[in-house]
Amino acid sequence: MRAVVQRVDGAAVVVDGETVGEIIGQGLCVLVGVTHEDTAEKAAQLARKLWSVRILEDEKSCSDVGAPLLVISQFTLYGDARKGRRPTWNAAAPGAVAEPLVDAVVAELRALGALVETGRFGADMKVSLTNNGPFTVLIEV
């Protein structure tokens, strides 16, 4: 699994004009990509890392300050544009595999005590955020 994690001062996801997920104030906006070899164990490992990674202000984690997370599925994180002009998506898991694993990340975060908002799997989403820093990291498990 691969996650692009942005420290934000607020973020929202809109689908068909409706806000389906939003966090206000300090937190993390997390784009999650799933590949073919990913498992429920990797989803749990990613969730634990997201909850405890110390990238908020003053080297705090979401678990330290109760900061919310906005988790959004993002198959394009496994796009490969090394050849030609059009990316391939061969490394991205199909929806039937990816959706339950993204849901597992969210469920594990909530089990850990996190306030989690989400996008809508497979939808045409409009994501807006205020990146604080800017601060963006890539986490792979």
C-alpha atoms as a PDB file:
ATOM      1  CA  MET A   1       0.000   0.000   0.000  1.00  0.00           C
ATOM      2  CA  ARG A   2       1.086   3.508  -0.722  1.00  0.00           C
ATOM      3  CA  ALA A   3      -0.137   6.720   0.897  1.00  0.00           C
ATOM      4  CA  VAL A   4       0.547  10.338   0.075  1.00  0.00           C
ATOM      5  CA  VAL A   5       0.109  12.155   3.369  1.00  0.00           C
ATOM      6  CA  GLN A   6      -0.341  15.918   3.566  1.00  0.00           C
ATOM      7  CA  ARG A   7      -0.372  17.949   6.763  1.00  0.00           C
ATOM      8  CA  VAL A   8      -3.368  20.238   6.370  1.00  0.00           C
ATOM      9  CA  ASP A   9      -5.268  23.046   8.031  1.00  0.00           C
ATOM     10  CA  GLY A  10      -8.510  21.676   6.611  1.00  0.00           C
ATOM     11  CA  ALA A  11      -9.565  19.511   3.669  1.00  0.00           C
ATOM     12  CA  ALA A  12     -12.765  18.460   1.930  1.00  0.00           C
ATOM     13  CA  VAL A  13     -14.024  16.057  -0.734  1.00  0.00           C
ATOM     14  CA  VAL A  14     -16.973  16.972  -2.943  1.00  0.00           C
ATOM     15  CA  VAL A  15     -18.893  14.532  -5.176  1.00  0.00           C
ATOM     16  CA  ASP A  16     -21.604  15.857  -7.513  1.00  0.00           C
ATOM     17  CA  GLY A  17     -21.724  19.147  -5.600  1.00  0.00           C
ATOM     18  CA  GLU A  18     -22.132  17.435  -2.198  1.00  0.00           C
ATOM     19  CA  THR A  19     -19.427  17.519   0.482  1.00  0.00           C
ATOM     20  CA  VAL A  20     -18.969  13.848   1.412  1.00  0.00           C
ATOM     21  CA  GLY A  21     -15.979  14.247   3.734  1.00  0.00           C
ATOM     22  CA  GLU A  22     -14.413  17.209   5.495  1.00  0.00           C
ATOM     23  CA  ILE A  23     -11.934  17.921   8.259  1.00  0.00           C
ATOM     24  CA  ILE A  24     -11.539  21.336   9.841  1.00  0.00           C
ATOM     25  CA  GLY A  25      -8.314  22.533  11.397  1.00  0.00           C
ATOM     26  CA  GLN A  26      -5.059  20.651  11.791  1.00  0.00           C
ATOM     27  CA  GLY A  27      -5.051  17.078  10.481  1.00  0.00           C
ATOM     28  CA  LEU A  28      -3.932  14.826   7.667  1.00  0.00           C
ATOM     29  CA  CYS A  29      -5.250  14.387   4.150  1.00  0.00           C
ATOM     30  CA  VAL A  30      -4.301  10.882   3.049  1.00  0.00           C
ATOM     31  CA  LEU A  31      -4.479   9.530  -0.509  1.00  0.00           C
ATOM     32  CA  VAL A  32      -4.332   5.705  -0.393  1.00  0.00           C
ATOM     33  CA  GLY A  33      -3.325   3.463  -3.289  1.00  0.00           C
ATOM     34  CA  VAL A  34      -3.610  -0.315  -3.295  1.00  0.00           C
ATOM     35  CA  THR A  35      -1.614  -2.773  -5.374  1.00  0.00           C
ATOM     36  CA  HIS A  36      -2.151  -6.483  -6.078  1.00  0.00           C
ATOM     37  CA  GLU A  37      -0.027  -7.851  -3.235  1.00  0.00           C
ATOM     38  CA  ASP A  38      -1.672  -5.799  -0.480  1.00  0.00           C
ATOM     39  CA  THR A  39      -3.432  -7.486   2.431  1.00  0.00           C
ATOM     40  CA  ALA A  40      -5.570  -6.667   5.454  1.00  0.00           C
ATOM     41  CA  GLU A  41      -2.394  -6.860   7.545  1.00  0.00           C
ATOM     42  CA  LYS A  42      -0.783  -4.146   5.418  1.00  0.00           C
ATOM     43  CA  ALA A  43      -3.929  -2.038   5.749  1.00  0.00           C
ATOM     44  CA  ALA A  44      -3.716  -2.306   9.547  1.00  0.00           C
ATOM     45  CA  GLN A  45      -0.002  -1.490   9.466  1.00  0.00           C
ATOM     46  CA  LEU A  46      -0.652   1.600   7.340  1.00  0.00           C
ATOM     47  CA  ALA A  47      -3.420   2.744   9.694  1.00  0.00           C
ATOM     48  CA  ARG A  48      -1.149   2.418  12.729  1.00  0.00           C
ATOM     49  CA  LYS A  49       1.572   4.384  10.945  1.00  0.00           C
ATOM     50  CA  LEU A  50      -0.855   7.150   9.925  1.00  0.00           C
ATOM     51  CA  TRP A  51      -2.181   7.440  13.476  1.00  0.00           C
ATOM     52  CA  SER A  52       1.278   7.646  15.054  1.00  0.00           C
ATOM     53  CA  VAL A  53       3.528   9.366  12.498  1.00  0.00           C
ATOM     54  CA  ARG A  54       4.891  12.591  14.001  1.00  0.00           C
ATOM     55  CA  ILE A  55       4.409  15.097  11.203  1.00  0.00           C
ATOM     56  CA  LEU A  56       2.019  17.599  12.742  1.00  0.00           C
ATOM     57  CA  GLU A  57       3.296  20.823  14.273  1.00  0.00           C
ATOM     58  CA  ASP A  58       5.765  20.409  17.152  1.00  0.00           C
ATOM     59  CA  GLU A  59       6.466  16.832  15.968  1.00  0.00           C
ATOM     60  CA  LYS A  60       3.084  15.602  17.180  1.00  0.00           C
ATOM     61  CA  SER A  61       1.012  12.781  15.730  1.00  0.00           C
ATOM     62  CA  CYS A  62      -2.741  12.568  15.193  1.00  0.00           C
ATOM     63  CA  SER A  63      -2.874  10.260  18.226  1.00  0.00           C
ATOM     64  CA  ASP A  64      -1.073  12.869  20.354  1.00  0.00           C
ATOM     65  CA  VAL A  65      -3.498  15.704  19.629  1.00  0.00           C
ATOM     66  CA  GLY A  66      -6.662  13.958  18.393  1.00  0.00           C
ATOM     67  CA  ALA A  67      -6.266  15.409  14.911  1.00  0.00           C
ATOM     68  CA  PRO A  68      -8.670  14.130  12.234  1.00  0.00           C
ATOM     69  CA  LEU A  69      -7.772  12.375   8.991  1.00  0.00           C
ATOM     70  CA  LEU A  70      -9.417  12.594   5.580  1.00  0.00           C
ATOM     71  CA  VAL A  71      -8.761   9.285   3.773  1.00  0.00           C
ATOM     72  CA  ILE A  72      -9.319   9.128   0.010  1.00  0.00           C
ATOM     73  CA  SER A  73      -8.815   6.157  -2.307  1.00  0.00           C
ATOM     74  CA  GLN A  74      -6.409   6.970  -5.142  1.00  0.00           C
ATOM     75  CA  PHE A  75      -5.605   4.225  -7.657  1.00  0.00           C
ATOM     76  CA  THR A  76      -3.477   6.644  -9.675  1.00  0.00           C
ATOM     77  CA  LEU A  77      -0.741   6.400  -7.017  1.00  0.00           C
ATOM     78  CA  TYR A  78       0.239   3.197  -8.817  1.00  0.00           C
ATOM     79  CA  GLY A  79       0.277   4.791 -12.266  1.00  0.00           C
ATOM     80  CA  ASP A  80       3.446   4.206 -14.276  1.00  0.00           C
ATOM     81  CA  ALA A  81       4.428   6.920 -16.752  1.00  0.00           C
ATOM     82  CA  ARG A  82       8.025   5.870 -17.391  1.00  0.00           C
ATOM     83  CA  LYS A  83       7.303   4.825 -20.992  1.00  0.00           C
ATOM     84  CA  GLY A  84       5.379   6.760 -23.570  1.00  0.00           C
ATOM     85  CA  ARG A  85       3.012   9.610 -22.836  1.00  0.00           C
ATOM     86  CA  ARG A  86       0.125   7.733 -21.265  1.00  0.00           C
ATOM     87  CA  PRO A  87       0.401   6.157 -17.784  1.00  0.00           C
ATOM     88  CA  THR A  88      -0.482   2.525 -17.275  1.00  0.00           C
ATOM     89  CA  TRP A  89      -2.447   1.383 -14.249  1.00  0.00           C
ATOM     90  CA  ASN A  90      -1.337  -2.269 -14.230  1.00  0.00           C
ATOM     91  CA  ALA A  91       0.097  -2.069 -10.706  1.00  0.00           C
ATOM     92  CA  ALA A  92      -3.145  -0.703  -9.224  1.00  0.00           C
ATOM     93  CA  ALA A  93      -5.445  -3.320  -7.710  1.00  0.00           C
ATOM     94  CA  PRO A  94      -8.946  -3.535  -9.221  1.00  0.00           C
ATOM     95  CA  GLY A  95     -11.800  -1.959  -7.275  1.00  0.00           C
ATOM     96  CA  ALA A  96     -13.061  -5.275  -5.913  1.00  0.00           C
ATOM     97  CA  VAL A  97      -9.677  -5.761  -4.208  1.00  0.00           C
ATOM     98  CA  ALA A  98      -8.843  -2.144  -3.392  1.00  0.00           C
ATOM     99  CA  GLU A  99     -12.115  -0.929  -1.883  1.00  0.00           C
ATOM    100  CA  PRO A 100     -12.192  -3.411   1.031  1.00  0.00           C
ATOM    101  CA  LEU A 101      -8.556  -2.636   1.828  1.00  0.00           C
ATOM    102  CA  VAL A 102      -9.095   1.131   1.873  1.00  0.00           C
ATOM    103  CA  ASP A 103     -12.150   0.469   4.073  1.00  0.00           C
ATOM    104  CA  ALA A 104      -9.904  -1.629   6.334  1.00  0.00           C
ATOM    105  CA  VAL A 105      -7.477   1.287   6.759  1.00  0.00           C
ATOM    106  CA  VAL A 106     -10.390   3.520   7.774  1.00  0.00           C
ATOM    107  CA  ALA A 107     -11.857   0.896  10.141  1.00  0.00           C
ATOM    108  CA  GLU A 108      -8.494   0.330  11.851  1.00  0.00           C
ATOM    109  CA  LEU A 109      -7.944   4.076  12.265  1.00  0.00           C
ATOM    110  CA  ARG A 110     -11.365   4.386  13.883  1.00  0.00           C
ATOM    111  CA  ALA A 111     -10.635   1.400  16.127  1.00  0.00           C
ATOM    112  CA  LEU A 112      -7.499   3.221  17.269  1.00  0.00           C
ATOM    113  CA  GLY A 113      -9.638   6.225  18.223  1.00  0.00           C
ATOM    114  CA  ALA A 114      -9.202   8.429  15.162  1.00  0.00           C
ATOM    115  CA  LEU A 115     -11.826  10.763  13.753  1.00  0.00           C
ATOM    116  CA  VAL A 116     -11.835   9.792  10.065  1.00  0.00           C
ATOM    117  CA  GLU A 117     -13.676  11.309   7.144  1.00  0.00           C
ATOM    118  CA  THR A 118     -13.566   9.717   3.686  1.00  0.00           C
ATOM    119  CA  GLY A 119     -14.084  10.282   0.031  1.00  0.00           C
ATOM    120  CA  ARG A 120     -16.356   8.026  -2.030  1.00  0.00           C
ATOM    121  CA  PHE A 121     -14.674   5.042  -3.659  1.00  0.00           C
ATOM    122  CA  GLY A 122     -14.720   5.158  -7.464  1.00  0.00           C
ATOM    123  CA  ALA A 123     -16.438   8.554  -7.644  1.00  0.00           C
ATOM    124  CA  ASP A 124     -15.258  11.617  -9.529  1.00  0.00           C
ATOM    125  CA  MET A 125     -14.065  13.534  -6.469  1.00  0.00           C
ATOM    126  CA  LYS A 126     -13.015  17.146  -6.105  1.00  0.00           C
ATOM    127  CA  VAL A 127     -10.474  17.434  -3.285  1.00  0.00           C
ATOM    128  CA  SER A 128      -9.570  20.770  -1.752  1.00  0.00           C
ATOM    129  CA  LEU A 129      -7.129  21.377   1.061  1.00  0.00           C
ATOM    130  CA  THR A 130      -4.836  23.856   2.687  1.00  0.00           C
ATOM    131  CA  ASN A 131      -1.439  22.178   2.872  1.00  0.00           C
ATOM    132  CA  ASN A 132       0.323  23.365   6.021  1.00  0.00           C
ATOM    133  CA  GLY A 133       4.034  23.770   5.390  1.00  0.00           C
ATOM    134  CA  PRO A 134       3.720  22.704   2.664  1.00  0.00           C
ATOM    135  CA  PHE A 135       4.330  19.281   4.120  1.00  0.00           C
ATOM    136  CA  THR A 136       3.826  16.085   2.109  1.00  0.00           C
ATOM    137  CA  VAL A 137       5.303  12.627   2.669  1.00  0.00           C
ATOM    138  CA  LEU A 138       5.019   9.246   0.973  1.00  0.00           C
ATOM    139  CA  ILE A 139       4.430   6.222   3.206  1.00  0.00           C
ATOM    140  CA  GLU A 140       4.672   2.683   1.862  1.00  0.00           C
ATOM    141  CA  VAL A 141       4.019  -0.534   3.742  1.00  0.00           C
END
